[in-house]
Amino acid sequence: MNTIISFLLIFFFASSFLLGRTTLTPSQPSGNKGDVISIDLHFSTDTAQVVGAQFAIEYDPAQMTVGEIIKGEAVVDHAVFDEQTNGKITLTVLSMTNQIFTDGVLASVSFTLDEDLSSDTTAATLSLNETMLVTKAGGVEAFEAIQKINDLFLKYAAEVDSTKPSTSRAISFSSEDDGSDTSYSWDFGDGNVKSGKNASHTYKTPNSYLITITATNFLGSKESTRRVTIDAPYWLLDAKDLGNGWKSFDWFGNYYESSSNNWIYHEQLGWLYRSGETVDDTWFWSKHWNWGWTSDLSYPYLVKSNSEWMFYLQGTSNPIRLYDYGLSSWLDK
C-alpha cells in the first residue's frame, strides 16, 4: 500500500498542464442522530483523461462513525484502497489497465451519525495537500470544488415597460447565484416550465402568477420565488403601430390616436373618448351611445351607463348599426 501512495506522490510533484475544467467535490449530507448517510466523491471533467486518484476525506469523529466504502459508477476496473485514522480516510483509486474515469461518483463512504447534522454544517472536507488526480499521460490534473448554492436571486424585465407587464409582451427572467455547475428550472405559475439560467415567457391570461426558480447542483438546490401581476394589453403600449398615428388591435380594428389626449378616431365608429389603460376594462364616450363599457372579450357588445346592453354590427359606418337590448330594436346612427 505504501508503494502505491509513494508512486502517486511522485506524480503529484510532476509538472502538469490544464486540459480542461475538472472538479472533485465531496457531498454534504445531513440527518439526525442514528441515521446512516453517504458522502460521495463526485468527479467531472471537460477533456482530461484521469485514470487514478488519491484523496483524503477529513470529518469530525465526534459527529459520525465510518461504515462501508464502495466504488462509484465513475470507475471501471479500478481498485479502491483505504487507510483510516481518527477523523481522516485516505482513499486511493487505481486501474491496472489505465482506464479513465467517467463523470460521476468515484467512491462513497457511509457514516452513522452520532449526533444531528444540519445542512448548514460541513460534513466532510478534502485535504488539498493530500489529494491528487493522475492523468493517463502521467501528469497531475488540477481540479476545483463545486461551490454550494447559498444565495439565489430572481429578477425580470418586461419589454417596453417593466412596470406594466401584459399578455402582449414577453418577460425576460434572469437569475444570479453563488454556486457553480448549476442547472436551473423555471416554473412560471401557469403550467409552463423552462430550463436555463435565463428564460423568456409570454403569458396568455391576465392574472397574478408566482414565479419559482430552482437552482441545483451536486451539493443541493436552492429555490427563489417572486409574484408577478400580468395585465391585459395596454392601449398605449401594446397596440400594433400602423404608422402616421394609426394603430390597431385585432379585436377592435384600426384607429387614429391623438397624441395630446384620450380622443381616438375609429375607422367605423368615428370619434371616441377612451377611459381606461387596459383593453379588458375600457369606457368609451360616443355621440352614438354616450358612455359605454367594453373589453377585448366582450366587444362588439357594450354596456351603457344605465346598465343596458348594446351590440355594434361590425363594419357598418355612416350609419353605424347598433342593437339596443333595452329598446329591443336596431338603431341606425
C-alpha atoms as a PDB file:
ATOM      1  CA  MET A   1       0.000   0.000   0.000  1.00  0.00           C
ATOM      2  CA  ASN A   2       2.838   2.417   0.904  1.00  0.00           C
ATOM      3  CA  THR A   3       4.388   1.693  -2.510  1.00  0.00           C
ATOM      4  CA  ILE A   4       1.160   2.764  -4.241  1.00  0.00           C
ATOM      5  CA  ILE A   5       0.998   6.010  -2.290  1.00  0.00           C
ATOM      6  CA  SER A   6       4.669   6.780  -2.967  1.00  0.00           C
ATOM      7  CA  PHE A   7       4.060   6.126  -6.661  1.00  0.00           C
ATOM      8  CA  LEU A   8       1.240   8.685  -6.684  1.00  0.00           C
ATOM      9  CA  LEU A   9       3.225  11.263  -4.714  1.00  0.00           C
ATOM     10  CA  ILE A  10       5.865  11.239  -7.463  1.00  0.00           C
ATOM     11  CA  PHE A  11       3.169  12.356  -9.932  1.00  0.00           C
ATOM     12  CA  PHE A  12       1.869  14.954  -7.531  1.00  0.00           C
ATOM     13  CA  PHE A  13       5.130  16.893  -7.782  1.00  0.00           C
ATOM     14  CA  ALA A  14       5.438  16.369 -11.533  1.00  0.00           C
ATOM     15  CA  SER A  15       4.706  19.223 -13.920  1.00  0.00           C
ATOM     16  CA  SER A  16       1.215  19.345 -15.371  1.00  0.00           C
ATOM     17  CA  PHE A  17      -0.952  21.473 -17.625  1.00  0.00           C
ATOM     18  CA  LEU A  18      -4.679  22.142 -17.601  1.00  0.00           C
ATOM     19  CA  LEU A  19      -6.505  20.345 -20.382  1.00  0.00           C
ATOM     20  CA  GLY A  20      -9.962  21.393 -19.239  1.00  0.00           C
ATOM     21  CA  ARG A  21     -12.004  22.185 -16.187  1.00  0.00           C
ATOM     22  CA  THR A  22     -12.036  19.358 -13.678  1.00  0.00           C
ATOM     23  CA  THR A  23     -13.943  19.173 -10.399  1.00  0.00           C
ATOM     24  CA  LEU A  24     -13.661  16.914  -7.360  1.00  0.00           C
ATOM     25  CA  THR A  25     -16.228  17.510  -4.627  1.00  0.00           C
ATOM     26  CA  PRO A  26     -17.441  15.621  -1.542  1.00  0.00           C
ATOM     27  CA  SER A  27     -21.210  15.654  -0.992  1.00  0.00           C
ATOM     28  CA  GLN A  28     -22.559  17.350   2.125  1.00  0.00           C
ATOM     29  CA  PRO A  29     -25.440  15.269   3.510  1.00  0.00           C
ATOM     30  CA  SER A  30     -27.429  15.996   6.652  1.00  0.00           C
ATOM     31  CA  GLY A  31     -29.530  13.920   9.013  1.00  0.00           C
ATOM     32  CA  ASN A  32     -30.480  13.017  12.557  1.00  0.00           C
ATOM     33  CA  LYS A  33     -28.598  11.049  15.171  1.00  0.00           C
ATOM     34  CA  GLY A  34     -28.620   7.348  14.270  1.00  0.00           C
ATOM     35  CA  ASP A  35     -29.115   7.941  10.529  1.00  0.00           C
ATOM     36  CA  VAL A  36     -26.786   6.281   8.035  1.00  0.00           C
ATOM     37  CA  ILE A  37     -25.595   8.816   5.469  1.00  0.00           C
ATOM     38  CA  SER A  38     -23.288   8.574   2.457  1.00  0.00           C
ATOM     39  CA  ILE A  39     -20.544  11.009   1.472  1.00  0.00           C
ATOM     40  CA  ASP A  40     -19.916  10.718  -2.276  1.00  0.00           C
ATOM     41  CA  LEU A  41     -16.766  11.892  -4.057  1.00  0.00           C
ATOM     42  CA  HIS A  42     -18.086  13.463  -7.250  1.00  0.00           C
ATOM     43  CA  PHE A  43     -15.771  13.848 -10.255  1.00  0.00           C
ATOM     44  CA  SER A  44     -16.266  15.672 -13.557  1.00  0.00           C
ATOM     45  CA  THR A  45     -14.002  16.872 -16.358  1.00  0.00           C
ATOM     46  CA  ASP A  46     -14.264  18.546 -19.748  1.00  0.00           C
ATOM     47  CA  THR A  47     -11.297  16.981 -21.535  1.00  0.00           C
ATOM     48  CA  ALA A  48      -8.793  15.409 -19.104  1.00  0.00           C
ATOM     49  CA  GLN A  49      -8.168  11.647 -19.182  1.00  0.00           C
ATOM     50  CA  VAL A  50      -7.864  10.885 -15.465  1.00  0.00           C
ATOM     51  CA  VAL A  51      -7.011   7.276 -14.574  1.00  0.00           C
ATOM     52  CA  GLY A  52      -6.105   7.406 -10.890  1.00  0.00           C
ATOM     53  CA  ALA A  53      -6.745   9.407  -7.757  1.00  0.00           C
ATOM     54  CA  GLN A  54      -5.792   9.766  -4.142  1.00  0.00           C
ATOM     55  CA  PHE A  55      -7.848  11.877  -1.780  1.00  0.00           C
ATOM     56  CA  ALA A  56      -8.085  12.372   1.961  1.00  0.00           C
ATOM     57  CA  ILE A  57     -11.532  12.962   3.476  1.00  0.00           C
ATOM     58  CA  GLU A  58     -11.483  14.772   6.796  1.00  0.00           C
ATOM     59  CA  TYR A  59     -14.501  14.622   9.114  1.00  0.00           C
ATOM     60  CA  ASP A  60     -15.427  15.114  12.757  1.00  0.00           C
ATOM     61  CA  PRO A  61     -15.243  11.715  14.514  1.00  0.00           C
ATOM     62  CA  ALA A  62     -17.417  13.084  17.317  1.00  0.00           C
ATOM     63  CA  GLN A  63     -20.236  13.580  14.800  1.00  0.00           C
ATOM     64  CA  MET A  64     -20.108  10.339  12.823  1.00  0.00           C
ATOM     65  CA  THR A  65     -18.647   6.840  12.650  1.00  0.00           C
ATOM     66  CA  VAL A  66     -17.204   5.352   9.444  1.00  0.00           C
ATOM     67  CA  GLY A  67     -19.034   2.478   7.792  1.00  0.00           C
ATOM     68  CA  GLU A  68     -18.766   0.830   4.356  1.00  0.00           C
ATOM     69  CA  ILE A  69     -16.664   2.131   1.451  1.00  0.00           C
ATOM     70  CA  ILE A  70     -17.844   1.278  -2.078  1.00  0.00           C
ATOM     71  CA  LYS A  71     -16.816   2.158  -5.645  1.00  0.00           C
ATOM     72  CA  GLY A  72     -18.888   4.635  -7.606  1.00  0.00           C
ATOM     73  CA  GLU A  73     -20.260   4.499 -11.152  1.00  0.00           C
ATOM     74  CA  ALA A  74     -17.448   6.722 -12.486  1.00  0.00           C
ATOM     75  CA  VAL A  75     -14.834   3.952 -12.168  1.00  0.00           C
ATOM     76  CA  VAL A  76     -14.498   0.795 -14.290  1.00  0.00           C
ATOM     77  CA  ASP A  77     -11.981  -1.870 -13.263  1.00  0.00           C
ATOM     78  CA  HIS A  78     -10.358   0.383 -10.677  1.00  0.00           C
ATOM     79  CA  ALA A  79      -9.490  -0.889  -7.228  1.00  0.00           C
ATOM     80  CA  VAL A  80     -10.194   1.249  -4.161  1.00  0.00           C
ATOM     81  CA  PHE A  81      -7.750   1.138  -1.237  1.00  0.00           C
ATOM     82  CA  ASP A  82      -8.278   2.920   2.048  1.00  0.00           C
ATOM     83  CA  GLU A  83      -6.279   3.957   5.097  1.00  0.00           C
ATOM     84  CA  GLN A  84      -8.101   5.274   8.136  1.00  0.00           C
ATOM     85  CA  THR A  85      -7.012   7.386  11.066  1.00  0.00           C
ATOM     86  CA  ASN A  86      -9.144   9.208  13.601  1.00  0.00           C
ATOM     87  CA  GLY A  87     -11.035  11.863  11.618  1.00  0.00           C
ATOM     88  CA  LYS A  88      -9.492  11.090   8.215  1.00  0.00           C
ATOM     89  CA  ILE A  89      -9.919   8.493   5.479  1.00  0.00           C
ATOM     90  CA  THR A  90      -7.342   8.290   2.679  1.00  0.00           C
ATOM     91  CA  LEU A  91      -8.658   6.625  -0.474  1.00  0.00           C
ATOM     92  CA  THR A  92      -6.614   5.552  -3.481  1.00  0.00           C
ATOM     93  CA  VAL A  93      -8.358   4.619  -6.745  1.00  0.00           C
ATOM     94  CA  LEU A  94      -6.215   2.817  -9.378  1.00  0.00           C
ATOM     95  CA  SER A  95      -6.696   0.900 -12.620  1.00  0.00           C
ATOM     96  CA  MET A  96      -4.129  -1.684 -13.619  1.00  0.00           C
ATOM     97  CA  THR A  97      -5.291  -1.280 -17.242  1.00  0.00           C
ATOM     98  CA  ASN A  98      -5.129   2.530 -17.221  1.00  0.00           C
ATOM     99  CA  GLN A  99      -8.892   3.010 -17.626  1.00  0.00           C
ATOM    100  CA  ILE A 100     -10.125   6.607 -17.438  1.00  0.00           C
ATOM    101  CA  PHE A 101     -12.731   7.938 -15.027  1.00  0.00           C
ATOM    102  CA  THR A 102     -16.142   8.965 -16.320  1.00  0.00           C
ATOM    103  CA  ASP A 103     -18.151  11.795 -14.795  1.00  0.00           C
ATOM    104  CA  GLY A 104     -19.907  10.792 -11.615  1.00  0.00           C
ATOM    105  CA  VAL A 105     -19.113   9.333  -8.192  1.00  0.00           C
ATOM    106  CA  LEU A 106     -15.649   7.820  -7.711  1.00  0.00           C
ATOM    107  CA  ALA A 107     -16.319   6.352  -4.271  1.00  0.00           C
ATOM    108  CA  SER A 108     -18.872   6.527  -1.473  1.00  0.00           C
ATOM    109  CA  VAL A 109     -18.237   6.319   2.255  1.00  0.00           C
ATOM    110  CA  SER A 110     -21.128   5.574   4.597  1.00  0.00           C
ATOM    111  CA  PHE A 111     -21.284   7.037   8.100  1.00  0.00           C
ATOM    112  CA  THR A 112     -23.563   6.560  11.086  1.00  0.00           C
ATOM    113  CA  LEU A 113     -24.412   9.898  12.654  1.00  0.00           C
ATOM    114  CA  ASP A 114     -23.577  10.119  16.352  1.00  0.00           C
ATOM    115  CA  GLU A 115     -25.352  13.476  16.614  1.00  0.00           C
ATOM    116  CA  ASP A 116     -27.679  15.581  14.475  1.00  0.00           C
ATOM    117  CA  LEU A 117     -26.061  17.049  11.359  1.00  0.00           C
ATOM    118  CA  SER A 118     -27.703  20.115   9.798  1.00  0.00           C
ATOM    119  CA  SER A 119     -27.485  21.093   6.142  1.00  0.00           C
ATOM    120  CA  ASP A 120     -25.535  24.201   7.192  1.00  0.00           C
ATOM    121  CA  THR A 121     -22.752  22.104   8.700  1.00  0.00           C
ATOM    122  CA  THR A 122     -19.869  20.891   6.531  1.00  0.00           C
ATOM    123  CA  ALA A 123     -19.912  17.113   6.869  1.00  0.00           C
ATOM    124  CA  ALA A 124     -16.550  16.454   5.194  1.00  0.00           C
ATOM    125  CA  THR A 125     -13.686  18.293   3.511  1.00  0.00           C
ATOM    126  CA  LEU A 126     -10.883  17.281   1.190  1.00  0.00           C
ATOM    127  CA  SER A 127      -7.334  17.719   2.457  1.00  0.00           C
ATOM    128  CA  LEU A 128      -5.914  19.522  -0.582  1.00  0.00           C
ATOM    129  CA  ASN A 129      -2.263  18.718   0.098  1.00  0.00           C
ATOM    130  CA  GLU A 130      -3.153  15.012   0.223  1.00  0.00           C
ATOM    131  CA  THR A 131      -5.458  14.935  -2.787  1.00  0.00           C
ATOM    132  CA  MET A 132      -4.458  14.471  -6.429  1.00  0.00           C
ATOM    133  CA  LEU A 133      -5.743  13.257  -9.791  1.00  0.00           C
ATOM    134  CA  VAL A 134      -3.374  11.399 -12.131  1.00  0.00           C
ATOM    135  CA  THR A 135      -3.851  11.524 -15.922  1.00  0.00           C
ATOM    136  CA  LYS A 136      -3.303   8.818 -18.493  1.00  0.00           C
ATOM    137  CA  ALA A 137      -0.292  10.763 -19.790  1.00  0.00           C
ATOM    138  CA  GLY A 138       1.333  10.581 -16.371  1.00  0.00           C
ATOM    139  CA  GLY A 139       0.643  14.129 -15.229  1.00  0.00           C
ATOM    140  CA  VAL A 140      -1.290  15.597 -12.338  1.00  0.00           C
ATOM    141  CA  GLU A 141      -4.635  17.168 -13.220  1.00  0.00           C
ATOM    142  CA  ALA A 142      -5.585  20.396 -11.455  1.00  0.00           C
ATOM    143  CA  PHE A 143      -9.100  20.468 -10.027  1.00  0.00           C
ATOM    144  CA  GLU A 144     -11.557  22.657  -8.190  1.00  0.00           C
ATOM    145  CA  ALA A 145     -14.534  22.002  -5.947  1.00  0.00           C
ATOM    146  CA  ILE A 146     -18.126  22.599  -6.984  1.00  0.00           C
ATOM    147  CA  GLN A 147     -19.445  25.532  -4.929  1.00  0.00           C
ATOM    148  CA  LYS A 148     -22.599  25.128  -2.861  1.00  0.00           C
ATOM    149  CA  ILE A 149     -25.573  27.357  -3.728  1.00  0.00           C
ATOM    150  CA  ASN A 150     -26.272  29.563  -0.726  1.00  0.00           C
ATOM    151  CA  ASP A 151     -27.936  32.585  -2.343  1.00  0.00           C
ATOM    152  CA  LEU A 152     -30.262  32.718  -5.343  1.00  0.00           C
ATOM    153  CA  PHE A 153     -31.823  35.882  -6.738  1.00  0.00           C
ATOM    154  CA  LEU A 154     -34.545  36.257  -9.358  1.00  0.00           C
ATOM    155  CA  LYS A 155     -35.221  39.323 -11.464  1.00  0.00           C
ATOM    156  CA  TYR A 156     -37.310  40.105 -14.516  1.00  0.00           C
ATOM    157  CA  ALA A 157     -37.767  42.772 -17.140  1.00  0.00           C
ATOM    158  CA  ALA A 158     -40.799  43.164 -19.387  1.00  0.00           C
ATOM    159  CA  GLU A 159     -40.323  44.560 -22.860  1.00  0.00           C
ATOM    160  CA  VAL A 160     -41.169  48.277 -23.363  1.00  0.00           C
ATOM    161  CA  ASP A 161     -42.217  48.943 -19.756  1.00  0.00           C
ATOM    162  CA  SER A 162     -41.196  46.571 -16.947  1.00  0.00           C
ATOM    163  CA  THR A 163     -43.674  48.169 -14.527  1.00  0.00           C
ATOM    164  CA  LYS A 164     -46.617  47.210 -16.763  1.00  0.00           C
ATOM    165  CA  PRO A 165     -46.186  43.618 -17.976  1.00  0.00           C
ATOM    166  CA  SER A 166     -49.003  42.351 -20.174  1.00  0.00           C
ATOM    167  CA  THR A 167     -50.093  39.335 -22.168  1.00  0.00           C
ATOM    168  CA  SER A 168     -48.869  41.037 -25.349  1.00  0.00           C
ATOM    169  CA  ARG A 169     -45.219  41.165 -24.332  1.00  0.00           C
ATOM    170  CA  ALA A 170     -42.600  38.598 -23.374  1.00  0.00           C
ATOM    171  CA  ILE A 171     -40.994  38.866 -19.956  1.00  0.00           C
ATOM    172  CA  SER A 172     -37.284  38.142 -19.611  1.00  0.00           C
ATOM    173  CA  PHE A 173     -36.294  36.358 -16.402  1.00  0.00           C
ATOM    174  CA  SER A 174     -32.737  36.028 -15.112  1.00  0.00           C
ATOM    175  CA  SER A 175     -31.059  34.564 -12.040  1.00  0.00           C
ATOM    176  CA  GLU A 176     -27.910  35.096 -10.018  1.00  0.00           C
ATOM    177  CA  ASP A 177     -26.414  32.658  -7.534  1.00  0.00           C
ATOM    178  CA  ASP A 178     -23.130  31.961  -5.768  1.00  0.00           C
ATOM    179  CA  GLY A 179     -22.850  28.279  -6.719  1.00  0.00           C
ATOM    180  CA  SER A 180     -21.111  26.519  -9.594  1.00  0.00           C
ATOM    181  CA  ASP A 181     -22.018  23.738 -12.056  1.00  0.00           C
ATOM    182  CA  THR A 182     -25.619  24.805 -11.608  1.00  0.00           C
ATOM    183  CA  SER A 183     -28.705  23.862 -13.606  1.00  0.00           C
ATOM    184  CA  TYR A 184     -31.870  25.948 -13.469  1.00  0.00           C
ATOM    185  CA  SER A 185     -35.585  25.227 -13.738  1.00  0.00           C
ATOM    186  CA  TRP A 186     -38.257  27.939 -14.101  1.00  0.00           C
ATOM    187  CA  ASP A 187     -41.887  27.384 -13.112  1.00  0.00           C
ATOM    188  CA  PHE A 188     -43.923  30.318 -14.425  1.00  0.00           C
ATOM    189  CA  GLY A 189     -47.020  29.524 -12.387  1.00  0.00           C
ATOM    190  CA  ASP A 190     -49.252  28.887 -15.412  1.00  0.00           C
ATOM    191  CA  GLY A 191     -48.254  25.288 -16.122  1.00  0.00           C
ATOM    192  CA  ASN A 192     -45.210  26.192 -18.231  1.00  0.00           C
ATOM    193  CA  VAL A 193     -41.693  25.140 -17.205  1.00  0.00           C
ATOM    194  CA  LYS A 194     -38.388  26.065 -18.854  1.00  0.00           C
ATOM    195  CA  SER A 195     -34.723  25.461 -18.087  1.00  0.00           C
ATOM    196  CA  GLY A 196     -31.645  27.677 -18.274  1.00  0.00           C
ATOM    197  CA  LYS A 197     -30.058  30.480 -16.295  1.00  0.00           C
ATOM    198  CA  ASN A 198     -32.149  32.968 -18.294  1.00  0.00           C
ATOM    199  CA  ALA A 199     -35.633  32.437 -19.687  1.00  0.00           C
ATOM    200  CA  SER A 200     -38.322  34.331 -21.582  1.00  0.00           C
ATOM    201  CA  HIS A 201     -42.052  33.774 -21.276  1.00  0.00           C
ATOM    202  CA  THR A 202     -45.296  35.293 -22.576  1.00  0.00           C
ATOM    203  CA  TYR A 203     -48.458  34.808 -20.543  1.00  0.00           C
ATOM    204  CA  LYS A 204     -51.779  34.190 -22.257  1.00  0.00           C
ATOM    205  CA  THR A 205     -54.145  35.225 -19.475  1.00  0.00           C
ATOM    206  CA  PRO A 206     -54.087  38.281 -17.194  1.00  0.00           C
ATOM    207  CA  ASN A 207     -53.564  37.137 -13.611  1.00  0.00           C
ATOM    208  CA  SER A 208     -51.180  37.120 -10.658  1.00  0.00           C
ATOM    209  CA  TYR A 209     -48.514  34.430 -11.042  1.00  0.00           C
ATOM    210  CA  LEU A 210     -45.962  33.033  -8.591  1.00  0.00           C
ATOM    211  CA  ILE A 211     -42.661  32.556 -10.424  1.00  0.00           C
ATOM    212  CA  THR A 212     -40.348  29.907  -8.970  1.00  0.00           C
ATOM    213  CA  ILE A 213     -36.756  29.250  -9.996  1.00  0.00           C
ATOM    214  CA  THR A 214     -34.869  26.239  -8.655  1.00  0.00           C
ATOM    215  CA  ALA A 215     -31.077  26.145  -8.923  1.00  0.00           C
ATOM    216  CA  THR A 216     -29.488  22.707  -8.476  1.00  0.00           C
ATOM    217  CA  ASN A 217     -26.001  21.271  -8.390  1.00  0.00           C
ATOM    218  CA  PHE A 218     -24.274  18.248  -6.858  1.00  0.00           C
ATOM    219  CA  LEU A 219     -24.391  19.786  -3.378  1.00  0.00           C
ATOM    220  CA  GLY A 220     -28.119  20.511  -3.318  1.00  0.00           C
ATOM    221  CA  SER A 221     -30.669  23.033  -4.515  1.00  0.00           C
ATOM    222  CA  LYS A 222     -31.964  26.491  -3.684  1.00  0.00           C
ATOM    223  CA  GLU A 223     -35.350  27.994  -4.550  1.00  0.00           C
ATOM    224  CA  SER A 224     -36.424  31.591  -5.048  1.00  0.00           C
ATOM    225  CA  THR A 225     -39.901  32.962  -5.792  1.00  0.00           C
ATOM    226  CA  ARG A 226     -41.439  36.208  -6.939  1.00  0.00           C
ATOM    227  CA  ARG A 227     -45.022  37.166  -7.691  1.00  0.00           C
ATOM    228  CA  VAL A 228     -45.751  38.992 -10.938  1.00  0.00           C
ATOM    229  CA  THR A 229     -49.072  40.564 -11.934  1.00  0.00           C
ATOM    230  CA  ILE A 230     -49.775  40.300 -15.667  1.00  0.00           C
ATOM    231  CA  ASP A 231     -52.326  42.681 -17.130  1.00  0.00           C
ATOM    232  CA  ALA A 232     -54.305  42.641 -20.337  1.00  0.00           C
ATOM    233  CA  PRO A 233     -52.721  44.613 -23.218  1.00  0.00           C
ATOM    234  CA  TYR A 234     -52.315  48.338 -22.652  1.00  0.00           C
ATOM    235  CA  TRP A 235     -53.794  50.810 -25.119  1.00  0.00           C
ATOM    236  CA  LEU A 236     -50.685  52.987 -25.168  1.00  0.00           C
ATOM    237  CA  LEU A 237     -48.088  50.172 -25.091  1.00  0.00           C
ATOM    238  CA  ASP A 238     -49.442  47.142 -26.907  1.00  0.00           C
ATOM    239  CA  ALA A 239     -51.453  48.271 -29.929  1.00  0.00           C
ATOM    240  CA  LYS A 240     -49.990  47.470 -33.325  1.00  0.00           C
ATOM    241  CA  ASP A 241     -48.400  50.611 -34.774  1.00  0.00           C
ATOM    242  CA  LEU A 242     -49.551  51.134 -38.365  1.00  0.00           C
ATOM    243  CA  GLY A 243     -47.650  54.406 -38.812  1.00  0.00           C
ATOM    244  CA  ASN A 244     -48.695  58.063 -39.102  1.00  0.00           C
ATOM    245  CA  GLY A 245     -50.594  57.916 -35.804  1.00  0.00           C
ATOM    246  CA  TRP A 246     -52.736  54.921 -36.798  1.00  0.00           C
ATOM    247  CA  LYS A 247     -52.866  51.837 -34.571  1.00  0.00           C
ATOM    248  CA  SER A 248     -54.912  48.669 -34.290  1.00  0.00           C
ATOM    249  CA  PHE A 249     -55.956  45.706 -32.204  1.00  0.00           C
ATOM    250  CA  ASP A 250     -57.247  42.609 -33.978  1.00  0.00           C
ATOM    251  CA  TRP A 251     -60.443  42.607 -31.929  1.00  0.00           C
ATOM    252  CA  PHE A 252     -61.078  46.378 -32.217  1.00  0.00           C
ATOM    253  CA  GLY A 253     -59.858  47.357 -35.677  1.00  0.00           C
ATOM    254  CA  ASN A 254     -57.936  50.420 -36.839  1.00  0.00           C
ATOM    255  CA  TYR A 255     -57.993  53.772 -35.098  1.00  0.00           C
ATOM    256  CA  TYR A 256     -56.107  57.047 -35.078  1.00  0.00           C
ATOM    257  CA  GLU A 257     -54.660  58.045 -31.706  1.00  0.00           C
ATOM    258  CA  SER A 258     -54.322  61.666 -30.679  1.00  0.00           C
ATOM    259  CA  SER A 259     -51.004  62.379 -29.007  1.00  0.00           C
ATOM    260  CA  SER A 260     -52.338  65.037 -26.622  1.00  0.00           C
ATOM    261  CA  ASN A 261     -55.411  63.436 -25.022  1.00  0.00           C
ATOM    262  CA  ASN A 262     -57.567  60.296 -24.891  1.00  0.00           C
ATOM    263  CA  TRP A 263     -59.548  61.050 -28.031  1.00  0.00           C
ATOM    264  CA  ILE A 264     -59.248  58.436 -30.768  1.00  0.00           C
ATOM    265  CA  TYR A 265     -60.801  58.235 -34.218  1.00  0.00           C
ATOM    266  CA  HIS A 266     -62.118  54.772 -35.095  1.00  0.00           C
ATOM    267  CA  GLU A 267     -62.335  53.999 -38.818  1.00  0.00           C
ATOM    268  CA  GLN A 268     -66.019  52.969 -38.490  1.00  0.00           C
ATOM    269  CA  LEU A 269     -67.247  54.389 -35.176  1.00  0.00           C
ATOM    270  CA  GLY A 270     -65.764  57.861 -35.602  1.00  0.00           C
ATOM    271  CA  TRP A 271     -64.581  59.925 -32.631  1.00  0.00           C
ATOM    272  CA  LEU A 272     -64.424  58.158 -29.259  1.00  0.00           C
ATOM    273  CA  TYR A 273     -63.151  59.328 -25.896  1.00  0.00           C
ATOM    274  CA  ARG A 274     -61.342  56.495 -24.138  1.00  0.00           C
ATOM    275  CA  SER A 275     -61.045  55.990 -20.386  1.00  0.00           C
ATOM    276  CA  GLY A 276     -59.016  53.038 -19.098  1.00  0.00           C
ATOM    277  CA  GLU A 277     -55.420  51.821 -19.527  1.00  0.00           C
ATOM    278  CA  THR A 278     -56.017  48.188 -20.481  1.00  0.00           C
ATOM    279  CA  VAL A 279     -58.234  46.612 -23.097  1.00  0.00           C
ATOM    280  CA  ASP A 280     -60.112  44.469 -20.573  1.00  0.00           C
ATOM    281  CA  ASP A 281     -61.601  47.495 -18.800  1.00  0.00           C
ATOM    282  CA  THR A 282     -62.394  50.412 -21.117  1.00  0.00           C
ATOM    283  CA  TRP A 283     -65.075  53.103 -21.155  1.00  0.00           C
ATOM    284  CA  PHE A 284     -65.834  54.884 -24.422  1.00  0.00           C
ATOM    285  CA  TRP A 285     -67.812  58.068 -24.830  1.00  0.00           C
ATOM    286  CA  SER A 286     -69.509  58.347 -28.220  1.00  0.00           C
ATOM    287  CA  LYS A 287     -72.197  60.610 -29.587  1.00  0.00           C
ATOM    288  CA  HIS A 288     -73.968  57.390 -30.603  1.00  0.00           C
ATOM    289  CA  TRP A 289     -74.407  55.920 -27.085  1.00  0.00           C
ATOM    290  CA  ASN A 290     -72.970  58.407 -24.561  1.00  0.00           C
ATOM    291  CA  TRP A 291     -70.830  56.335 -22.127  1.00  0.00           C
ATOM    292  CA  GLY A 292     -70.400  52.598 -22.682  1.00  0.00           C
ATOM    293  CA  TRP A 293     -68.119  49.933 -21.204  1.00  0.00           C
ATOM    294  CA  THR A 294     -66.462  47.188 -23.241  1.00  0.00           C
ATOM    295  CA  SER A 295     -63.425  44.895 -23.283  1.00  0.00           C
ATOM    296  CA  ASP A 296     -61.438  42.773 -25.697  1.00  0.00           C
ATOM    297  CA  LEU A 297     -63.533  39.751 -24.657  1.00  0.00           C
ATOM    298  CA  SER A 298     -66.962  41.418 -24.882  1.00  0.00           C
ATOM    299  CA  TYR A 299     -66.590  43.762 -27.882  1.00  0.00           C
ATOM    300  CA  PRO A 300     -68.660  44.452 -30.069  1.00  0.00           C
ATOM    301  CA  TYR A 301     -71.049  44.275 -27.084  1.00  0.00           C
ATOM    302  CA  LEU A 302     -71.122  47.405 -24.902  1.00  0.00           C
ATOM    303  CA  VAL A 303     -72.774  48.160 -21.565  1.00  0.00           C
ATOM    304  CA  LYS A 304     -74.244  51.646 -21.366  1.00  0.00           C
ATOM    305  CA  SER A 305     -74.011  53.755 -18.207  1.00  0.00           C
ATOM    306  CA  ASN A 306     -77.643  52.844 -17.456  1.00  0.00           C
ATOM    307  CA  SER A 307     -76.561  49.132 -17.418  1.00  0.00           C
ATOM    308  CA  GLU A 308     -78.360  48.320 -20.666  1.00  0.00           C
ATOM    309  CA  TRP A 309     -76.509  46.384 -23.354  1.00  0.00           C
ATOM    310  CA  MET A 310     -75.870  47.362 -26.963  1.00  0.00           C
ATOM    311  CA  PHE A 311     -74.453  45.418 -29.880  1.00  0.00           C
ATOM    312  CA  TYR A 312     -72.437  47.064 -32.652  1.00  0.00           C
ATOM    313  CA  LEU A 313     -72.662  45.396 -36.065  1.00  0.00           C
ATOM    314  CA  GLN A 314     -69.003  45.464 -37.010  1.00  0.00           C
ATOM    315  CA  GLY A 315     -68.071  47.004 -40.346  1.00  0.00           C
ATOM    316  CA  THR A 316     -71.082  49.296 -40.517  1.00  0.00           C
ATOM    317  CA  SER A 317     -70.415  53.030 -40.864  1.00  0.00           C
ATOM    318  CA  ASN A 318     -72.377  56.120 -41.909  1.00  0.00           C
ATOM    319  CA  PRO A 319     -74.693  54.966 -40.498  1.00  0.00           C
ATOM    320  CA  ILE A 320     -73.444  52.509 -37.891  1.00  0.00           C
ATOM    321  CA  ARG A 321     -75.909  49.822 -36.826  1.00  0.00           C
ATOM    322  CA  LEU A 322     -76.489  49.286 -33.094  1.00  0.00           C
ATOM    323  CA  TYR A 323     -78.897  46.883 -31.441  1.00  0.00           C
ATOM    324  CA  ASP A 324     -80.275  48.307 -28.208  1.00  0.00           C
ATOM    325  CA  TYR A 325     -81.350  45.469 -25.896  1.00  0.00           C
ATOM    326  CA  GLY A 326     -83.236  47.896 -23.676  1.00  0.00           C
ATOM    327  CA  LEU A 327     -85.364  49.005 -26.609  1.00  0.00           C
ATOM    328  CA  SER A 328     -85.249  45.587 -28.328  1.00  0.00           C
ATOM    329  CA  SER A 329     -84.606  47.262 -31.654  1.00  0.00           C
ATOM    330  CA  TRP A 330     -81.917  48.201 -34.171  1.00  0.00           C
ATOM    331  CA  LEU A 331     -80.733  51.784 -34.306  1.00  0.00           C
ATOM    332  CA  ASP A 332     -79.025  53.450 -37.253  1.00  0.00           C
ATOM    333  CA  LYS A 333     -76.692  56.238 -36.160  1.00  0.00           C
END
